[in-house]
Amino acid sequence: TFRISEIGWYRQAPGKQRELVARVSGNRADYADSVL
């Protein structure tokens, strides 16, 4: 049942918490400031 209409990329560096990198919903995409 899963469809990728709303999905995101995350990352976790050593010793750090997992963080959101980018995500998309419909035609809208959002990015972390560090990767924009």
PDB file of all heavy atoms in Angstrom:
ATOM      1  N   THR A   1       0.791  -1.223   0.000  1.00  0.00           N
ATOM      2  CA  THR A   1       0.000   0.000   0.000  1.00  0.00           C
ATOM      3  C   THR A   1       0.826   1.277   0.000  1.00  0.00           C
ATOM      4  O   THR A   1       0.283   2.358  -0.152  1.00  0.00           O
ATOM      5  CB  THR A   1      -0.918   0.042   1.233  1.00  0.00           C
ATOM      6  OG1 THR A   1      -0.112   0.008   2.411  1.00  0.00           O
ATOM      7  CG2 THR A   1      -1.872  -1.138   1.230  1.00  0.00           C
ATOM      8  N   PHE A   2       2.141   1.149   0.168  1.00  0.00           N
ATOM      9  CA  PHE A   2       2.946   2.359   0.284  1.00  0.00           C
ATOM     10  C   PHE A   2       3.227   2.942  -1.075  1.00  0.00           C
ATOM     11  O   PHE A   2       3.688   2.265  -1.983  1.00  0.00           O
ATOM     12  CB  PHE A   2       4.260   2.063   1.007  1.00  0.00           C
ATOM     13  CG  PHE A   2       5.079   3.297   1.257  1.00  0.00           C
ATOM     14  CD1 PHE A   2       4.772   4.135   2.318  1.00  0.00           C
ATOM     15  CD2 PHE A   2       6.135   3.636   0.430  1.00  0.00           C
ATOM     16  CE1 PHE A   2       5.507   5.280   2.554  1.00  0.00           C
ATOM     17  CE2 PHE A   2       6.887   4.777   0.649  1.00  0.00           C
ATOM     18  CZ  PHE A   2       6.568   5.602   1.726  1.00  0.00           C
ATOM     19  N   ARG A   3       2.994   4.210  -1.194  1.00  0.00           N
ATOM     20  CA  ARG A   3       3.325   4.943  -2.405  1.00  0.00           C
ATOM     21  C   ARG A   3       4.213   6.118  -2.049  1.00  0.00           C
ATOM     22  O   ARG A   3       4.130   6.679  -0.982  1.00  0.00           O
ATOM     23  CB  ARG A   3       2.055   5.416  -3.119  1.00  0.00           C
ATOM     24  CG  ARG A   3       1.215   4.275  -3.670  1.00  0.00           C
ATOM     25  CD  ARG A   3       1.956   3.520  -4.760  1.00  0.00           C
ATOM     26  NE  ARG A   3       1.199   2.384  -5.280  1.00  0.00           N
ATOM     27  CZ  ARG A   3       1.386   1.141  -4.893  1.00  0.00           C
ATOM     28  NH1 ARG A   3       2.307   0.867  -3.962  1.00  0.00           N
ATOM     29  NH2 ARG A   3       0.671   0.169  -5.417  1.00  0.00           N
ATOM     30  N   ILE A   4       5.053   6.512  -2.968  1.00  0.00           N
ATOM     31  CA  ILE A   4       6.097   7.479  -2.655  1.00  0.00           C
ATOM     32  C   ILE A   4       5.678   8.911  -2.905  1.00  0.00           C
ATOM     33  O   ILE A   4       6.495   9.768  -3.177  1.00  0.00           O
ATOM     34  CB  ILE A   4       7.387   7.168  -3.425  1.00  0.00           C
ATOM     35  CG1 ILE A   4       7.136   7.216  -4.939  1.00  0.00           C
ATOM     36  CG2 ILE A   4       7.978   5.835  -3.002  1.00  0.00           C
ATOM     37  CD1 ILE A   4       8.417   7.188  -5.759  1.00  0.00           C
ATOM     38  N   SER A   5       4.381   9.182  -2.797  1.00  0.00           N
ATOM     39  CA  SER A   5       3.942  10.557  -3.027  1.00  0.00           C
ATOM     40  C   SER A   5       4.482  11.503  -1.969  1.00  0.00           C
ATOM     41  O   SER A   5       4.708  12.675  -2.241  1.00  0.00           O
ATOM     42  CB  SER A   5       2.410  10.610  -3.051  1.00  0.00           C
ATOM     43  OG  SER A   5       1.889  10.080  -1.833  1.00  0.00           O
ATOM     44  N   GLU A   6       4.689  10.990  -0.769  1.00  0.00           N
ATOM     45  CA  GLU A   6       5.289  11.793   0.290  1.00  0.00           C
ATOM     46  C   GLU A   6       6.428  10.971   0.890  1.00  0.00           C
ATOM     47  O   GLU A   6       6.193   9.998   1.594  1.00  0.00           O
ATOM     48  CB  GLU A   6       4.263  12.135   1.369  1.00  0.00           C
ATOM     49  CG  GLU A   6       3.141  13.033   0.874  1.00  0.00           C
ATOM     50  CD  GLU A   6       2.239  13.482   2.006  1.00  0.00           C
ATOM     51  OE1 GLU A   6       2.213  12.796   3.042  1.00  0.00           O
ATOM     52  OE2 GLU A   6       1.569  14.514   1.852  1.00  0.00           O
ATOM     53  N   ILE A   7       7.636  11.383   0.591  1.00  0.00           N
ATOM     54  CA  ILE A   7       8.793  10.598   1.003  1.00  0.00           C
ATOM     55  C   ILE A   7       9.987  11.508   1.215  1.00  0.00           C
ATOM     56  O   ILE A   7      10.039  12.602   0.661  1.00  0.00           O
ATOM     57  CB  ILE A   7       9.088   9.510  -0.047  1.00  0.00           C
ATOM     58  CG1 ILE A   7      10.050   8.455   0.506  1.00  0.00           C
ATOM     59  CG2 ILE A   7       9.582  10.131  -1.341  1.00  0.00           C
ATOM     60  CD1 ILE A   7      10.077   7.186  -0.323  1.00  0.00           C
ATOM     61  N   GLY A   8      10.925  11.051   2.016  1.00  0.00           N
ATOM     62  CA  GLY A   8      12.070  11.886   2.310  1.00  0.00           C
ATOM     63  C   GLY A   8      13.360  11.103   2.402  1.00  0.00           C
ATOM     64  O   GLY A   8      13.362   9.877   2.509  1.00  0.00           O
ATOM     65  N   TRP A   9      14.452  11.853   2.323  1.00  0.00           N
ATOM     66  CA  TRP A   9      15.791  11.318   2.553  1.00  0.00           C
ATOM     67  C   TRP A   9      16.303  11.853   3.886  1.00  0.00           C
ATOM     68  O   TRP A   9      16.126  13.042   4.201  1.00  0.00           O
ATOM     69  CB  TRP A   9      16.751  11.733   1.440  1.00  0.00           C
ATOM     70  CG  TRP A   9      16.639  10.919   0.203  1.00  0.00           C
ATOM     71  CD1 TRP A   9      15.943  11.213  -0.929  1.00  0.00           C
ATOM     72  CD2 TRP A   9      17.256   9.652  -0.036  1.00  0.00           C
ATOM     73  NE1 TRP A   9      16.084  10.220  -1.854  1.00  0.00           N
ATOM     74  CE2 TRP A   9      16.894   9.242  -1.328  1.00  0.00           C
ATOM     75  CE3 TRP A   9      18.094   8.825   0.712  1.00  0.00           C
ATOM     76  CZ2 TRP A   9      17.327   8.041  -1.898  1.00  0.00           C
ATOM     77  CZ3 TRP A   9      18.523   7.637   0.156  1.00  0.00           C
ATOM     78  CH2 TRP A   9      18.136   7.250  -1.132  1.00  0.00           C
ATOM     79  N   TYR A  10      16.937  10.977   4.635  1.00  0.00           N
ATOM     80  CA  TYR A  10      17.487  11.315   5.928  1.00  0.00           C
ATOM     81  C   TYR A  10      18.940  10.850   5.958  1.00  0.00           C
ATOM     82  O   TYR A  10      19.356  10.029   5.140  1.00  0.00           O
ATOM     83  CB  TYR A  10      16.711  10.597   7.042  1.00  0.00           C
ATOM     84  CG  TYR A  10      15.229  10.910   7.058  1.00  0.00           C
ATOM     85  CD1 TYR A  10      14.362  10.311   6.144  1.00  0.00           C
ATOM     86  CD2 TYR A  10      14.684  11.800   7.972  1.00  0.00           C
ATOM     87  CE1 TYR A  10      13.007  10.595   6.143  1.00  0.00           C
ATOM     88  CE2 TYR A  10      13.334  12.088   7.983  1.00  0.00           C
ATOM     89  CZ  TYR A  10      12.497  11.487   7.067  1.00  0.00           C
ATOM     90  OH  TYR A  10      11.153  11.771   7.070  1.00  0.00           O
ATOM     91  N   ARG A  11      19.707  11.353   6.917  1.00  0.00           N
ATOM     92  CA  ARG A  11      21.071  10.882   7.061  1.00  0.00           C
ATOM     93  C   ARG A  11      21.474  10.876   8.527  1.00  0.00           C
ATOM     94  O   ARG A  11      20.921  11.626   9.337  1.00  0.00           O
ATOM     95  CB  ARG A  11      22.043  11.746   6.246  1.00  0.00           C
ATOM     96  CG  ARG A  11      22.224  13.161   6.748  1.00  0.00           C
ATOM     97  CD  ARG A  11      23.104  13.935   5.793  1.00  0.00           C
ATOM     98  NE  ARG A  11      23.320  15.313   6.245  1.00  0.00           N
ATOM     99  CZ  ARG A  11      23.928  16.251   5.508  1.00  0.00           C
ATOM    100  NH1 ARG A  11      24.387  15.950   4.288  1.00  0.00           N
ATOM    101  NH2 ARG A  11      24.073  17.459   5.993  1.00  0.00           N
ATOM    102  N   GLN A  12      22.430  10.021   8.826  1.00  0.00           N
ATOM    103  CA  GLN A  12      22.959   9.952  10.183  1.00  0.00           C
ATOM    104  C   GLN A  12      24.472   9.845  10.113  1.00  0.00           C
ATOM    105  O   GLN A  12      25.003   8.866   9.574  1.00  0.00           O
ATOM    106  CB  GLN A  12      22.373   8.764  10.945  1.00  0.00           C
ATOM    107  CG  GLN A  12      22.772   8.742  12.406  1.00  0.00           C
ATOM    108  CD  GLN A  12      21.941   7.769  13.219  1.00  0.00           C
ATOM    109  OE1 GLN A  12      21.333   6.844  12.689  1.00  0.00           O
ATOM    110  NE2 GLN A  12      21.897   7.975  14.523  1.00  0.00           N
ATOM    111  N   ALA A  13      25.137  10.855  10.641  1.00  0.00           N
ATOM    112  CA  ALA A  13      26.589  10.873  10.707  1.00  0.00           C
ATOM    113  C   ALA A  13      27.023  10.214  12.016  1.00  0.00           C
ATOM    114  O   ALA A  13      26.252  10.163  12.985  1.00  0.00           O
ATOM    115  CB  ALA A  13      27.095  12.302  10.626  1.00  0.00           C
ATOM    116  N   PRO A  14      28.252   9.735  12.075  1.00  0.00           N
ATOM    117  CA  PRO A  14      28.740   9.092  13.305  1.00  0.00           C
ATOM    118  C   PRO A  14      28.596  10.013  14.508  1.00  0.00           C
ATOM    119  O   PRO A  14      29.007  11.177  14.467  1.00  0.00           O
ATOM    120  CB  PRO A  14      30.204   8.803  12.981  1.00  0.00           C
ATOM    121  CG  PRO A  14      30.257   8.696  11.506  1.00  0.00           C
ATOM    122  CD  PRO A  14      29.242   9.679  10.994  1.00  0.00           C
ATOM    123  N   GLY A  15      28.005   9.490  15.570  1.00  0.00           N
ATOM    124  CA  GLY A  15      27.866  10.256  16.796  1.00  0.00           C
ATOM    125  C   GLY A  15      26.794  11.318  16.777  1.00  0.00           C
ATOM    126  O   GLY A  15      26.678  12.106  17.720  1.00  0.00           O
ATOM    127  N   LYS A  16      26.012  11.357  15.707  1.00  0.00           N
ATOM    128  CA  LYS A  16      24.967  12.380  15.590  1.00  0.00           C
ATOM    129  C   LYS A  16      23.604  11.744  15.403  1.00  0.00           C
ATOM    130  O   LYS A  16      23.495  10.580  15.018  1.00  0.00           O
ATOM    131  CB  LYS A  16      25.275  13.321  14.427  1.00  0.00           C
ATOM    132  CG  LYS A  16      26.524  14.148  14.613  1.00  0.00           C
ATOM    133  CD  LYS A  16      26.676  15.165  13.499  1.00  0.00           C
ATOM    134  CE  LYS A  16      27.901  16.033  13.721  1.00  0.00           C
ATOM    135  NZ  LYS A  16      28.045  17.056  12.639  1.00  0.00           N
ATOM    136  N   GLN A  17      22.575  12.515  15.674  1.00  0.00           N
ATOM    137  CA  GLN A  17      21.218  12.034  15.451  1.00  0.00           C
ATOM    138  C   GLN A  17      20.877  12.042  13.968  1.00  0.00           C
ATOM    139  O   GLN A  17      21.443  12.811  13.184  1.00  0.00           O
ATOM    140  CB  GLN A  17      20.228  12.920  16.208  1.00  0.00           C
ATOM    141  CG  GLN A  17      20.274  12.751  17.718  1.00  0.00           C
ATOM    142  CD  GLN A  17      19.130  13.476  18.412  1.00  0.00           C
ATOM    143  OE1 GLN A  17      18.621  14.464  17.918  1.00  0.00           O
ATOM    144  NE2 GLN A  17      18.716  12.945  19.547  1.00  0.00           N
ATOM    145  N   ARG A  18      19.953  11.182  13.616  1.00  0.00           N
ATOM    146  CA  ARG A  18      19.468  11.162  12.253  1.00  0.00           C
ATOM    147  C   ARG A  18      18.757  12.481  11.961  1.00  0.00           C
ATOM    148  O   ARG A  18      18.001  12.988  12.802  1.00  0.00           O
ATOM    149  CB  ARG A  18      18.532   9.988  12.052  1.00  0.00           C
ATOM    150  CG  ARG A  18      18.088   9.768  10.622  1.00  0.00           C
ATOM    151  CD  ARG A  18      17.240   8.516  10.549  1.00  0.00           C
ATOM    152  NE  ARG A  18      18.037   7.307  10.640  1.00  0.00           N
ATOM    153  CZ  ARG A  18      17.690   6.234  11.356  1.00  0.00           C
ATOM    154  NH1 ARG A  18      16.574   6.229  12.061  1.00  0.00           N
ATOM    155  NH2 ARG A  18      18.464   5.162  11.367  1.00  0.00           N
ATOM    156  N   GLU A  19      18.972  13.015  10.766  1.00  0.00           N
ATOM    157  CA  GLU A  19      18.373  14.292  10.407  1.00  0.00           C
ATOM    158  C   GLU A  19      17.728  14.208   9.022  1.00  0.00           C
ATOM    159  O   GLU A  19      18.147  13.427   8.170  1.00  0.00           O
ATOM    160  CB  GLU A  19      19.429  15.407  10.404  1.00  0.00           C
ATOM    161  CG  GLU A  19      20.534  15.222   9.387  1.00  0.00           C
ATOM    162  CD  GLU A  19      21.497  16.401   9.339  1.00  0.00           C
ATOM    163  OE1 GLU A  19      21.251  17.418   9.997  1.00  0.00           O
ATOM    164  OE2 GLU A  19      22.515  16.288   8.602  1.00  0.00           O
ATOM    165  N   LEU A  20      16.741  15.043   8.831  1.00  0.00           N
ATOM    166  CA  LEU A  20      16.076  15.136   7.539  1.00  0.00           C
ATOM    167  C   LEU A  20      16.962  15.909   6.563  1.00  0.00           C
ATOM    168  O   LEU A  20      17.478  16.973   6.892  1.00  0.00           O
ATOM    169  CB  LEU A  20      14.730  15.842   7.689  1.00  0.00           C
ATOM    170  CG  LEU A  20      13.945  16.089   6.414  1.00  0.00           C
ATOM    171  CD1 LEU A  20      13.449  14.777   5.821  1.00  0.00           C
ATOM    172  CD2 LEU A  20      12.781  17.025   6.685  1.00  0.00           C
ATOM    173  N   VAL A  21      17.114  15.381   5.374  1.00  0.00           N
ATOM    174  CA  VAL A  21      17.910  16.041   4.328  1.00  0.00           C
ATOM    175  C   VAL A  21      16.994  16.705   3.307  1.00  0.00           C
ATOM    176  O   VAL A  21      17.179  17.873   2.956  1.00  0.00           O
ATOM    177  CB  VAL A  21      18.826  15.026   3.634  1.00  0.00           C
ATOM    178  CG1 VAL A  21      19.556  15.670   2.462  1.00  0.00           C
ATOM    179  CG2 VAL A  21      19.820  14.432   4.621  1.00  0.00           C
ATOM    180  N   ALA A  22      16.017  15.959   2.828  1.00  0.00           N
ATOM    181  CA  ALA A  22      15.102  16.475   1.819  1.00  0.00           C
ATOM    182  C   ALA A  22      13.844  15.628   1.835  1.00  0.00           C
ATOM    183  O   ALA A  22      13.894  14.440   2.155  1.00  0.00           O
ATOM    184  CB  ALA A  22      15.738  16.431   0.427  1.00  0.00           C
ATOM    185  N   ARG A  23      12.725  16.232   1.481  1.00  0.00           N
ATOM    186  CA  ARG A  23      11.494  15.471   1.370  1.00  0.00           C
ATOM    187  C   ARG A  23      10.595  16.107   0.328  1.00  0.00           C
ATOM    188  O   ARG A  23      10.719  17.294   0.030  1.00  0.00           O
ATOM    189  CB  ARG A  23      10.782  15.325   2.707  1.00  0.00           C
ATOM    190  CG  ARG A  23      10.349  16.610   3.369  1.00  0.00           C
ATOM    191  CD  ARG A  23       9.758  16.314   4.734  1.00  0.00           C
ATOM    192  NE  ARG A  23       9.335  17.531   5.427  1.00  0.00           N
ATOM    193  CZ  ARG A  23       8.864  17.557   6.663  1.00  0.00           C
ATOM    194  NH1 ARG A  23       8.744  16.422   7.366  1.00  0.00           N
ATOM    195  NH2 ARG A  23       8.498  18.691   7.227  1.00  0.00           N
ATOM    196  N   VAL A  24       9.728  15.307  -0.200  1.00  0.00           N
ATOM    197  CA  VAL A  24       8.852  15.772  -1.266  1.00  0.00           C
ATOM    198  C   VAL A  24       7.433  15.327  -0.962  1.00  0.00           C
ATOM    199  O   VAL A  24       7.188  14.216  -0.483  1.00  0.00           O
ATOM    200  CB  VAL A  24       9.330  15.251  -2.641  1.00  0.00           C
ATOM    201  CG1 VAL A  24       9.343  13.743  -2.691  1.00  0.00           C
ATOM    202  CG2 VAL A  24       8.513  15.846  -3.761  1.00  0.00           C
ATOM    203  N   SER A  25       6.499  16.236  -1.234  1.00  0.00           N
ATOM    204  CA  SER A  25       5.076  15.959  -1.104  1.00  0.00           C
ATOM    205  C   SER A  25       4.386  16.578  -2.299  1.00  0.00           C
ATOM    206  O   SER A  25       4.413  17.805  -2.445  1.00  0.00           O
ATOM    207  CB  SER A  25       4.522  16.549   0.196  1.00  0.00           C
ATOM    208  OG  SER A  25       3.122  16.376   0.269  1.00  0.00           O
ATOM    209  N   GLY A  26       3.815  15.758  -3.141  1.00  0.00           N
ATOM    210  CA  GLY A  26       3.240  16.283  -4.367  1.00  0.00           C
ATOM    211  C   GLY A  26       4.308  16.956  -5.195  1.00  0.00           C
ATOM    212  O   GLY A  26       5.338  16.354  -5.488  1.00  0.00           O
ATOM    213  N   ASN A  27       4.100  18.210  -5.513  1.00  0.00           N
ATOM    214  CA  ASN A  27       5.085  18.968  -6.288  1.00  0.00           C
ATOM    215  C   ASN A  27       5.983  19.840  -5.429  1.00  0.00           C
ATOM    216  O   ASN A  27       6.788  20.613  -5.948  1.00  0.00           O
ATOM    217  CB  ASN A  27       4.377  19.860  -7.311  1.00  0.00           C
ATOM    218  CG  ASN A  27       3.667  19.045  -8.371  1.00  0.00           C
ATOM    219  OD1 ASN A  27       4.171  18.010  -8.800  1.00  0.00           O
ATOM    220  ND2 ASN A  27       2.497  19.498  -8.785  1.00  0.00           N
ATOM    221  N   ARG A  28       5.863  19.704  -4.125  1.00  0.00           N
ATOM    222  CA  ARG A  28       6.645  20.538  -3.220  1.00  0.00           C
ATOM    223  C   ARG A  28       7.817  19.740  -2.660  1.00  0.00           C
ATOM    224  O   ARG A  28       7.646  18.633  -2.164  1.00  0.00           O
ATOM    225  CB  ARG A  28       5.782  21.039  -2.070  1.00  0.00           C
ATOM    226  CG  ARG A  28       6.552  21.838  -1.027  1.00  0.00           C
ATOM    227  CD  ARG A  28       5.727  22.087   0.223  1.00  0.00           C
ATOM    228  NE  ARG A  28       6.540  22.684   1.267  1.00  0.00           N
ATOM    229  CZ  ARG A  28       6.414  23.932   1.673  1.00  0.00           C
ATOM    230  NH1 ARG A  28       5.516  24.721   1.116  1.00  0.00           N
ATOM    231  NH2 ARG A  28       7.189  24.407   2.638  1.00  0.00           N
ATOM    232  N   ALA A  29       8.993  20.334  -2.733  1.00  0.00           N
ATOM    233  CA  ALA A  29      10.190  19.722  -2.156  1.00  0.00           C
ATOM    234  C   ALA A  29      10.787  20.673  -1.128  1.00  0.00           C
ATOM    235  O   ALA A  29      10.849  21.881  -1.353  1.00  0.00           O
ATOM    236  CB  ALA A  29      11.223  19.412  -3.239  1.00  0.00           C
ATOM    237  N   ASP A  30      11.232  20.119  -0.011  1.00  0.00           N
ATOM    238  CA  ASP A  30      11.875  20.903   1.031  1.00  0.00           C
ATOM    239  C   ASP A  30      13.252  20.323   1.304  1.00  0.00           C
ATOM    240  O   ASP A  30      13.438  19.111   1.236  1.00  0.00           O
ATOM    241  CB  ASP A  30      11.043  20.876   2.325  1.00  0.00           C
ATOM    242  CG  ASP A  30       9.688  21.523   2.153  1.00  0.00           C
ATOM    243  OD1 ASP A  30       9.661  22.703   1.716  1.00  0.00           O
ATOM    244  OD2 ASP A  30       8.670  20.874   2.422  1.00  0.00           O
ATOM    245  N   TYR A  31      14.189  21.193   1.638  1.00  0.00           N
ATOM    246  CA  TYR A  31      15.558  20.778   1.872  1.00  0.00           C
ATOM    247  C   TYR A  31      16.096  21.367   3.172  1.00  0.00           C
ATOM    248  O   TYR A  31      15.724  22.476   3.562  1.00  0.00           O
ATOM    249  CB  TYR A  31      16.453  21.237   0.714  1.00  0.00           C
ATOM    250  CG  TYR A  31      16.074  20.660  -0.618  1.00  0.00           C
ATOM    251  CD1 TYR A  31      15.173  21.303  -1.453  1.00  0.00           C
ATOM    252  CD2 TYR A  31      16.626  19.455  -1.044  1.00  0.00           C
ATOM    253  CE1 TYR A  31      14.806  20.758  -2.675  1.00  0.00           C
ATOM    254  CE2 TYR A  31      16.276  18.900  -2.266  1.00  0.00           C
ATOM    255  CZ  TYR A  31      15.366  19.550  -3.065  1.00  0.00           C
ATOM    256  OH  TYR A  31      15.017  19.002  -4.281  1.00  0.00           O
ATOM    257  N   ALA A  32      16.980  20.626   3.787  1.00  0.00           N
ATOM    258  CA  ALA A  32      17.718  21.183   4.910  1.00  0.00           C
ATOM    259  C   ALA A  32      18.594  22.330   4.398  1.00  0.00           C
ATOM    260  O   ALA A  32      19.087  22.284   3.267  1.00  0.00           O
ATOM    261  CB  ALA A  32      18.581  20.109   5.561  1.00  0.00           C
ATOM    262  N   ASP A  33      18.791  23.332   5.234  1.00  0.00           N
ATOM    263  CA  ASP A  33      19.599  24.484   4.819  1.00  0.00           C
ATOM    264  C   ASP A  33      20.994  24.050   4.382  1.00  0.00           C
ATOM    265  O   ASP A  33      21.582  24.647   3.471  1.00  0.00           O
ATOM    266  CB  ASP A  33      19.714  25.475   5.975  1.00  0.00           C
ATOM    267  CG  ASP A  33      18.408  26.199   6.245  1.00  0.00           C
ATOM    268  OD1 ASP A  33      17.518  26.173   5.374  1.00  0.00           O
ATOM    269  OD2 ASP A  33      18.276  26.785   7.335  1.00  0.00           O
ATOM    270  N   SER A  34      21.516  23.021   5.010  1.00  0.00           N
ATOM    271  CA  SER A  34      22.890  22.598   4.744  1.00  0.00           C
ATOM    272  C   SER A  34      23.072  21.994   3.350  1.00  0.00           C
ATOM    273  O   SER A  34      24.205  21.899   2.864  1.00  0.00           O
ATOM    274  CB  SER A  34      23.345  21.588   5.794  1.00  0.00           C
ATOM    275  OG  SER A  34      22.492  20.451   5.797  1.00  0.00           O
ATOM    276  N   VAL A  35      21.980  21.581   2.702  1.00  0.00           N
ATOM    277  CA  VAL A  35      22.100  20.955   1.379  1.00  0.00           C
ATOM    278  C   VAL A  35      21.376  21.744   0.303  1.00  0.00           C
ATOM    279  O   VAL A  35      21.447  21.385  -0.879  1.00  0.00           O
ATOM    280  CB  VAL A  35      21.573  19.498   1.404  1.00  0.00           C
ATOM    281  CG1 VAL A  35      22.238  18.697   2.507  1.00  0.00           C
ATOM    282  CG2 VAL A  35      20.062  19.448   1.528  1.00  0.00           C
ATOM    283  N   LEU A  36      20.690  22.794   0.683  1.00  0.00           N
ATOM    284  CA  LEU A  36      19.924  23.592  -0.271  1.00  0.00           C
ATOM    285  C   LEU A  36      20.828  24.105  -1.393  1.00  0.00           C
ATOM    286  O   LEU A  36      21.894  24.661  -1.143  1.00  0.00           O
ATOM    287  CB  LEU A  36      19.255  24.753   0.457  1.00  0.00           C
ATOM    288  CG  LEU A  36      18.249  25.574  -0.337  1.00  0.00           C
ATOM    289  CD1 LEU A  36      17.065  24.713  -0.764  1.00  0.00           C
ATOM    290  CD2 LEU A  36      17.774  26.771   0.475  1.00  0.00           C
TER     291      LEU A  36
END
